[in-house]
Amino acid sequence: MASVHAAAVPSASPTAITERLPRPAPHGPAEPQDAAPGRGAADVDVEDTEHTRVISVLPGTPPRPAGTRRDVPLHVLRLHFPDGEIVEVTAGYSIRLGRDPQLCPAVTFLARRDNLSRIHAKVGVETNGSAWITDEDSTNGTFVRGYRLTPNEPTPLRPGDTFRLAADVHVNVLS
């Protein structure tokens, strides 16, 4: 008597990450029935002829550690400014934030903010994906997570953080 699942033919999908394969035949001669005391022919599952093999894992690659989106290394840091402007900082680069358009060409829209220093802060992303912000000894300060930064000391930034330049420029770190 054949079981129902042994008669079913699995469909092959080009996007499937696993595939059904026939179970390899046992090597060597079959063991005599009396070699395993207490087990009879009815206890051996003859119909179990399938197993699953994962085909999406590359050989030799270590398993990826579990983490959240906030722990994933960044390739591009996106900064969302109050007037809707979005500035991107790519890995291995940094930008200056301030009101002087010649010294801070990535954020010329901050020129009208007279409470910012000419060079107020610096934001960068390392090649390993870690992002940081540094206050450049500004008059009115740079604040991350509600705390004023010590001048010239890098502070880590992660997606979801908000930092403030002076009193009213709130910047959201998107990713």
Foldseek 3Di string as FASTA:
>chain_A
DADDVLPDDDDDDPPDQKDKDWADDDDDDDDDQPVDPPDHPVNDDPNPTIDMDGDPDDPPDDDDDDDDQQPDAAQWKWKAKDVGDIFIAGAPDKAFDFLACVRGVRCVVNVPVVQTHRGAKMWHAHNRRWIWIAGQPIDQAKAWPRHGDDHPDIDTDTQQTWMDGGDDIIMHTHD
